Amino acid sequence: MSWKPSGEESMRRKRHEPIPPESLDEPFGPPPEEYLYRCPVCSEEMLVNEAIIDVAIGAAKFRGEYQGRMPTIGCPGCNGETMEYVDQES
């Protein structure tokens, strides 16, 4: 009995076969979104990755503090939980 199903070839790449360029463009999907945050205390501005915001929302839900809006996150300039989301469309 053969280990390969009949009529099918191995999906394994041959030893020195190059990887097609179309598969190298976005190997993990589209790039994550970034949101502008600003600290009202020290005026520090930065783009925050959506993964960081997801973690902040999860932590706020765990503590029972989530209010259904973009969370306040920690500021690297003044070391406080003061950075707030800045709506870029207005």
N, C-alpha and C. Protein backbone atom coordinates (compact mmCIF):
# COMPACT_ATOMS: atom_id res chain seq x y z
N MET A 1 0.85 -1.18 0.00
CA MET A 1 0.00 0.00 0.00
C MET A 1 0.89 1.24 0.00
N SER A 2 0.57 2.19 -0.83
CA SER A 2 1.35 3.43 -0.95
C SER A 2 0.88 4.45 0.08
N TRP A 3 1.81 5.29 0.57
CA TRP A 3 1.45 6.33 1.54
C TRP A 3 0.88 7.56 0.85
N LYS A 4 1.06 7.71 -0.47
CA LYS A 4 0.49 8.82 -1.23
C LYS A 4 -0.85 8.41 -1.79
N PRO A 5 -1.84 9.30 -1.74
CA PRO A 5 -3.09 9.00 -2.43
C PRO A 5 -2.84 8.87 -3.93
N SER A 6 -3.55 7.99 -4.57
CA SER A 6 -3.31 7.75 -5.98
C SER A 6 -3.59 9.00 -6.81
N GLY A 7 -2.72 9.29 -7.75
CA GLY A 7 -2.90 10.39 -8.67
C GLY A 7 -2.45 11.75 -8.12
N GLU A 8 -1.91 11.81 -6.93
CA GLU A 8 -1.46 13.08 -6.35
C GLU A 8 0.05 13.06 -6.17
N GLU A 9 0.64 14.25 -6.30
CA GLU A 9 2.07 14.37 -6.11
C GLU A 9 2.34 14.97 -4.73
N SER A 10 3.57 14.90 -4.32
CA SER A 10 3.97 15.48 -3.04
C SER A 10 3.88 17.01 -3.12
N MET A 11 3.43 17.63 -2.04
CA MET A 11 3.33 19.09 -2.00
C MET A 11 4.65 19.72 -1.56
N ARG A 12 5.60 18.93 -1.20
CA ARG A 12 6.89 19.41 -0.73
C ARG A 12 7.67 20.07 -1.86
N ARG A 13 8.35 21.22 -1.53
CA ARG A 13 9.17 21.88 -2.54
C ARG A 13 10.41 21.06 -2.83
N LYS A 14 10.86 21.14 -4.05
CA LYS A 14 12.10 20.47 -4.40
C LYS A 14 13.25 21.23 -3.74
N ARG A 15 14.37 20.59 -3.58
CA ARG A 15 15.45 21.09 -2.74
C ARG A 15 15.87 22.54 -3.02
N HIS A 16 16.19 22.95 -4.21
CA HIS A 16 16.68 24.30 -4.48
C HIS A 16 15.68 25.14 -5.27
N GLU A 17 14.44 24.81 -5.13
CA GLU A 17 13.39 25.55 -5.84
C GLU A 17 13.12 26.87 -5.11
N PRO A 18 13.19 28.03 -5.80
CA PRO A 18 12.96 29.31 -5.12
C PRO A 18 11.50 29.49 -4.69
N ILE A 19 11.32 30.27 -3.65
CA ILE A 19 9.97 30.57 -3.18
C ILE A 19 9.36 31.62 -4.11
N PRO A 20 8.15 31.42 -4.58
CA PRO A 20 7.54 32.39 -5.49
C PRO A 20 7.38 33.76 -4.80
N PRO A 21 7.69 34.88 -5.51
CA PRO A 21 7.65 36.21 -4.89
C PRO A 21 6.27 36.63 -4.41
N GLU A 22 5.19 36.15 -5.03
CA GLU A 22 3.86 36.55 -4.60
C GLU A 22 3.54 36.04 -3.20
N SER A 23 4.18 34.96 -2.78
CA SER A 23 3.94 34.45 -1.43
C SER A 23 4.78 35.17 -0.39
N LEU A 24 5.76 35.97 -0.80
CA LEU A 24 6.60 36.71 0.13
C LEU A 24 6.05 38.09 0.46
N ASP A 25 5.09 38.59 -0.31
CA ASP A 25 4.60 39.96 -0.13
C ASP A 25 4.01 40.18 1.26
N GLU A 26 3.02 39.43 1.62
CA GLU A 26 2.36 39.59 2.90
C GLU A 26 2.16 38.20 3.53
N PRO A 27 3.21 37.68 4.14
CA PRO A 27 3.09 36.32 4.66
C PRO A 27 2.14 36.18 5.84
N PHE A 28 1.86 37.27 6.55
CA PHE A 28 1.00 37.19 7.73
C PHE A 28 -0.25 38.04 7.57
N GLY A 29 -0.65 38.31 6.36
CA GLY A 29 -1.84 39.12 6.13
C GLY A 29 -1.49 40.60 6.01
N PRO A 30 -2.49 41.44 5.97
CA PRO A 30 -2.23 42.87 5.82
C PRO A 30 -1.56 43.44 7.08
N PRO A 31 -0.84 44.53 6.93
CA PRO A 31 -0.18 45.12 8.10
C PRO A 31 -1.23 45.64 9.09
N PRO A 32 -0.90 45.63 10.38
CA PRO A 32 -1.87 46.08 11.38
C PRO A 32 -2.12 47.59 11.28
N GLU A 33 -3.30 48.00 11.71
CA GLU A 33 -3.61 49.43 11.71
C GLU A 33 -2.92 50.10 12.89
N GLU A 34 -2.63 51.39 12.72
CA GLU A 34 -2.05 52.17 13.80
C GLU A 34 -2.93 53.39 14.04
N TYR A 35 -3.06 53.77 15.29
CA TYR A 35 -3.93 54.87 15.68
C TYR A 35 -3.11 55.93 16.40
N LEU A 36 -3.44 57.19 16.14
CA LEU A 36 -2.71 58.30 16.75
C LEU A 36 -3.19 58.52 18.18
N TYR A 37 -2.24 58.54 19.10
CA TYR A 37 -2.49 58.82 20.51
C TYR A 37 -1.66 60.03 20.92
N ARG A 38 -2.20 60.85 21.82
CA ARG A 38 -1.50 62.04 22.31
C ARG A 38 -1.68 62.14 23.82
N CYS A 39 -0.61 62.54 24.49
CA CYS A 39 -0.66 62.74 25.94
C CYS A 39 -0.97 64.20 26.23
N PRO A 40 -2.05 64.49 26.97
CA PRO A 40 -2.38 65.88 27.29
C PRO A 40 -1.44 66.49 28.33
N VAL A 41 -0.67 65.67 29.04
CA VAL A 41 0.23 66.17 30.08
C VAL A 41 1.55 66.65 29.47
N CYS A 42 2.20 65.80 28.67
CA CYS A 42 3.52 66.15 28.14
C CYS A 42 3.53 66.36 26.62
N SER A 43 2.38 66.27 25.97
CA SER A 43 2.21 66.49 24.52
C SER A 43 2.93 65.46 23.65
N GLU A 44 3.28 64.32 24.20
CA GLU A 44 3.89 63.23 23.43
C GLU A 44 2.85 62.66 22.48
N GLU A 45 3.24 62.45 21.21
CA GLU A 45 2.36 61.84 20.21
C GLU A 45 3.03 60.59 19.67
N MET A 46 2.22 59.57 19.40
CA MET A 46 2.77 58.35 18.79
C MET A 46 1.66 57.55 18.14
N LEU A 47 2.05 56.75 17.15
CA LEU A 47 1.13 55.82 16.53
C LEU A 47 1.16 54.53 17.32
N VAL A 48 -0.01 54.02 17.69
CA VAL A 48 -0.12 52.82 18.51
C VAL A 48 -0.72 51.69 17.68
N ASN A 49 -0.06 50.55 17.69
CA ASN A 49 -0.48 49.37 16.96
C ASN A 49 -1.79 48.84 17.53
N GLU A 50 -2.64 48.30 16.65
CA GLU A 50 -3.95 47.80 17.08
C GLU A 50 -3.84 46.65 18.08
N ALA A 51 -2.73 45.91 18.06
CA ALA A 51 -2.56 44.82 19.02
C ALA A 51 -2.41 45.38 20.44
N ILE A 52 -1.72 46.49 20.59
CA ILE A 52 -1.56 47.13 21.90
C ILE A 52 -2.92 47.61 22.40
N ILE A 53 -3.72 48.16 21.50
CA ILE A 53 -5.05 48.65 21.88
C ILE A 53 -5.94 47.47 22.28
N ASP A 54 -5.84 46.35 21.56
CA ASP A 54 -6.61 45.16 21.91
C ASP A 54 -6.26 44.67 23.32
N VAL A 55 -4.98 44.71 23.66
CA VAL A 55 -4.54 44.29 24.99
C VAL A 55 -5.08 45.25 26.05
N ALA A 56 -5.03 46.55 25.77
CA ALA A 56 -5.55 47.54 26.72
C ALA A 56 -7.05 47.37 26.92
N ILE A 57 -7.79 47.07 25.86
CA ILE A 57 -9.23 46.83 25.98
C ILE A 57 -9.49 45.58 26.81
N GLY A 58 -8.73 44.52 26.55
CA GLY A 58 -8.88 43.29 27.32
C GLY A 58 -8.59 43.49 28.80
N ALA A 59 -7.55 44.27 29.12
CA ALA A 59 -7.21 44.55 30.51
C ALA A 59 -8.31 45.38 31.17
N ALA A 60 -8.85 46.36 30.45
CA ALA A 60 -9.93 47.20 31.01
C ALA A 60 -11.19 46.36 31.24
N LYS A 61 -11.49 45.45 30.33
CA LYS A 61 -12.66 44.56 30.52
C LYS A 61 -12.45 43.66 31.73
N PHE A 62 -11.23 43.17 31.91
CA PHE A 62 -10.92 42.30 33.05
C PHE A 62 -11.12 43.04 34.37
N ARG A 63 -10.70 44.31 34.40
CA ARG A 63 -10.85 45.12 35.61
C ARG A 63 -12.25 45.70 35.78
N GLY A 64 -13.09 45.55 34.74
CA GLY A 64 -14.45 46.09 34.79
C GLY A 64 -14.51 47.58 34.53
N GLU A 65 -13.51 48.13 33.84
CA GLU A 65 -13.42 49.56 33.59
C GLU A 65 -13.71 49.96 32.15
N TYR A 66 -13.99 48.99 31.29
CA TYR A 66 -14.17 49.30 29.86
C TYR A 66 -15.49 50.01 29.63
N GLN A 67 -15.44 51.14 28.88
CA GLN A 67 -16.62 51.96 28.65
C GLN A 67 -17.05 51.99 27.18
N GLY A 68 -16.47 51.14 26.34
CA GLY A 68 -16.88 51.06 24.95
C GLY A 68 -16.22 52.06 24.02
N ARG A 69 -15.12 52.66 24.41
CA ARG A 69 -14.41 53.60 23.55
C ARG A 69 -12.93 53.22 23.51
N MET A 70 -12.15 53.98 22.76
CA MET A 70 -10.71 53.71 22.68
C MET A 70 -10.10 53.90 24.07
N PRO A 71 -9.28 52.94 24.51
CA PRO A 71 -8.75 53.00 25.88
C PRO A 71 -7.65 54.05 26.04
N THR A 72 -7.45 54.48 27.27
CA THR A 72 -6.32 55.33 27.63
C THR A 72 -5.16 54.39 27.90
N ILE A 73 -3.97 54.74 27.35
CA ILE A 73 -2.81 53.86 27.52
C ILE A 73 -1.67 54.63 28.18
N GLY A 74 -0.63 53.91 28.53
CA GLY A 74 0.52 54.50 29.21
C GLY A 74 1.36 55.37 28.30
N CYS A 75 1.83 56.49 28.87
CA CYS A 75 2.67 57.43 28.12
C CYS A 75 4.14 57.17 28.43
N PRO A 76 4.98 57.01 27.39
CA PRO A 76 6.41 56.80 27.65
C PRO A 76 7.12 58.08 28.09
N GLY A 77 6.52 59.24 27.85
CA GLY A 77 7.15 60.50 28.22
C GLY A 77 7.02 60.85 29.69
N CYS A 78 5.81 60.70 30.23
CA CYS A 78 5.58 61.08 31.63
C CYS A 78 5.25 59.90 32.53
N ASN A 79 5.29 58.68 32.00
CA ASN A 79 5.05 57.44 32.75
C ASN A 79 3.70 57.39 33.46
N GLY A 80 2.69 57.97 32.86
CA GLY A 80 1.35 57.89 33.42
C GLY A 80 0.39 57.26 32.44
N GLU A 81 -0.76 56.82 32.90
CA GLU A 81 -1.80 56.27 32.03
C GLU A 81 -2.60 57.44 31.46
N THR A 82 -1.98 58.25 30.60
CA THR A 82 -2.59 59.50 30.17
C THR A 82 -2.76 59.64 28.67
N MET A 83 -2.21 58.73 27.85
CA MET A 83 -2.31 58.89 26.40
C MET A 83 -3.73 58.57 25.93
N GLU A 84 -4.31 59.51 25.18
CA GLU A 84 -5.67 59.36 24.70
C GLU A 84 -5.69 59.34 23.18
N TYR A 85 -6.67 58.65 22.64
CA TYR A 85 -6.85 58.53 21.19
C TYR A 85 -7.21 59.88 20.60
N VAL A 86 -6.59 60.21 19.45
CA VAL A 86 -6.89 61.44 18.73
C VAL A 86 -7.61 61.05 17.45
N ASP A 87 -8.82 61.51 17.30
CA ASP A 87 -9.61 61.21 16.09
C ASP A 87 -8.95 61.90 14.91
N GLN A 88 -8.46 61.15 13.92
CA GLN A 88 -7.74 61.70 12.79
C GLN A 88 -8.66 62.22 11.71
N GLU A 89 -9.95 61.92 11.77
CA GLU A 89 -10.89 62.34 10.73
C GLU A 89 -11.41 63.74 10.97
N SER A 90 -11.26 64.28 12.16
CA SER A 90 -11.80 65.61 12.44
C SER A 90 -10.77 66.70 12.22
